[in-house]
Protein backbone atom coordinates (compact mmCIF):
# COMPACT_ATOMS: atom_id res chain seq x y z
CA MET A 1 13.13 -6.92 0.04
CA ILE A 2 10.74 -6.04 -2.76
CA LEU A 3 7.48 -4.28 -1.88
CA LEU A 4 4.66 -4.62 -4.40
CA ASP A 5 2.27 -1.72 -4.80
CA THR A 6 -1.45 -2.34 -5.27
CA ASP A 7 -1.33 -1.73 -9.03
CA VAL A 8 1.36 -4.37 -9.47
CA CYS A 9 -0.58 -6.86 -7.33
CA LEU A 10 -3.73 -6.28 -9.39
CA ALA A 11 -1.82 -6.84 -12.62
CA LEU A 12 -0.29 -9.99 -11.15
CA LEU A 13 -3.70 -11.28 -10.09
CA ALA A 14 -5.02 -10.53 -13.58
CA GLY A 15 -2.33 -12.84 -14.99
CA ASN A 16 0.16 -10.30 -16.28
CA LYS A 17 2.94 -12.59 -17.44
CA LYS A 18 5.49 -9.77 -17.66
CA ILE A 19 5.35 -9.28 -13.89
CA LEU A 20 5.72 -13.02 -13.35
CA GLU A 21 8.78 -13.01 -15.61
CA LEU A 22 10.32 -10.08 -13.76
CA TYR A 23 9.67 -11.22 -10.18
CA GLY A 24 8.72 -14.89 -10.36
CA ASP A 25 12.27 -16.04 -9.65
CA ALA A 26 13.26 -13.20 -7.34
CA THR A 27 15.71 -14.21 -4.66
CA GLU A 28 14.67 -11.26 -2.51
CA GLU A 29 11.79 -11.54 -0.09
CA ILE A 30 8.60 -10.19 -1.62
CA GLY A 31 6.26 -8.21 0.57
CA ILE A 32 2.97 -6.42 0.21
CA PRO A 33 2.44 -3.42 2.49
CA ALA A 34 -0.60 -3.78 4.75
CA PRO A 35 -2.31 -0.69 3.25
CA CYS A 36 -2.10 -2.36 -0.18
CA VAL A 37 -3.76 -5.49 1.21
CA GLN A 38 -6.70 -3.32 2.26
CA GLU A 39 -6.81 -1.72 -1.20
CA LEU A 40 -6.79 -5.17 -2.84
CA PHE A 41 -9.78 -6.35 -0.81
CA PHE A 42 -11.56 -3.06 -1.49
CA ALA A 43 -11.02 -3.57 -5.25
CA ALA A 44 -12.26 -7.16 -4.98
CA GLY A 45 -15.41 -5.99 -3.21
CA LYS A 46 -16.19 -3.61 -6.07
CA SER A 47 -15.53 -6.22 -8.77
CA GLU A 48 -18.05 -8.33 -10.66
CA ASP A 49 -17.01 -11.44 -8.71
CA PRO A 50 -16.00 -10.35 -5.19
CA ASP A 51 -15.83 -13.84 -3.70
CA ARG A 52 -13.58 -15.28 -6.41
CA ASN A 53 -11.34 -12.21 -6.40
CA SER A 54 -11.05 -12.25 -2.60
CA GLU A 55 -9.97 -15.89 -2.80
CA LEU A 56 -7.32 -14.98 -5.39
CA ILE A 57 -6.00 -12.27 -3.07
CA GLU A 58 -5.89 -14.64 -0.11
CA THR A 59 -3.98 -17.18 -2.22
CA LEU A 60 -1.47 -14.50 -3.25
CA LEU A 61 -1.03 -13.40 0.36
CA LEU A 62 0.01 -16.92 1.34
CA THR A 63 3.06 -16.56 -0.94
CA VAL A 64 4.35 -13.18 0.31
CA THR A 65 5.06 -11.32 3.52
CA ILE A 66 2.51 -8.77 4.65
CA VAL A 67 4.58 -5.80 5.81
CA HIS A 68 3.21 -3.57 8.56
CA PRO A 69 4.57 -0.11 9.35
CA ASP A 70 6.56 0.01 12.57
CA ILE A 71 7.32 2.99 14.79
CA GLN A 72 10.35 4.03 12.69
CA VAL A 73 8.25 4.04 9.51
CA LEU A 74 5.48 6.03 11.18
CA ARG A 75 7.94 8.55 12.61
CA TYR A 76 9.63 8.98 9.21
CA ALA A 77 6.25 9.42 7.50
CA SER A 78 5.14 11.96 10.08
CA GLU A 79 8.26 14.06 9.48
CA ILE A 80 7.57 14.22 5.75
CA GLN A 81 3.85 14.85 6.30
CA ARG A 82 4.64 17.70 8.69
CA LYS A 83 6.97 19.35 6.19
CA TYR A 84 4.48 18.90 3.36
CA THR A 85 1.74 20.41 5.53
CA GLN A 86 3.95 23.40 6.42
CA GLU A 87 4.69 23.91 2.71
CA ARG A 88 0.98 23.47 1.88
CA ARG A 89 1.72 20.61 -0.49
CA PRO A 90 -0.89 17.84 -0.60
CA CYS A 91 0.15 14.22 -0.39
CA SER A 92 -1.67 10.91 -0.19
CA TYR A 93 -1.25 9.31 3.22
CA ILE A 94 -1.07 5.78 1.76
CA ASP A 95 1.52 6.85 -0.81
CA LEU A 96 3.51 8.55 1.94
CA LEU A 97 3.30 5.44 4.11
CA LEU A 98 4.47 3.12 1.31
CA TYR A 99 7.31 5.48 0.44
CA SER A 100 8.35 5.62 4.10
CA MET A 101 8.20 1.82 4.43
CA SER A 102 10.47 1.40 1.42
CA LYS A 103 12.98 3.96 2.70
CA VAL A 104 13.14 2.79 6.31
CA LEU A 105 13.23 -0.91 5.38
CA GLY A 106 15.68 -0.38 2.51
CA ALA A 107 13.18 -2.10 0.21
CA ARG A 108 12.53 -1.60 -3.48
CA LEU A 109 8.97 -0.38 -4.10
CA VAL A 110 7.66 -1.84 -7.36
CA THR A 111 4.90 0.24 -8.89
CA ALA A 112 3.61 1.41 -12.23
CA HIS A 113 3.12 4.89 -10.78
CA GLY A 114 6.58 5.90 -9.60
CA LYS A 115 5.91 9.64 -9.70
CA ARG A 116 3.40 9.25 -6.86
CA TYR A 117 6.28 8.23 -4.61
CA MET A 118 8.69 11.08 -5.30
CA PHE A 119 8.58 12.92 -2.02
CA HIS A 120 10.99 15.82 -1.88
CA VAL A 121 11.56 17.39 1.48
CA LYS A 122 13.27 20.78 1.65
CA GLN A 123 15.84 20.99 4.40
């Protein structure tokens, strides 16, 4: 499975042909994590044409799977969050959740901001 981050979805919605070339013929299932769906609608609401952009998002969502975190994902994320809290290292909850979804589901997370998803947990 391929999970698309919000930034990739926004570029796709803006007509970025490079993304279409890379993933348009993907044989893997393409999913968008539920937190990214919320971020997409939030971005649409702030845009100059919220109604049109919301419609574009809804059209995109008809072509992919919306992926929700399950108990295994939430448990995995909580373990990393606990360790980061103990080590006094800040981390974005949404980034942590997307990272955990990709790891638990064995999915490839496609993003333009890969460094945000490099969670290192000391043993």
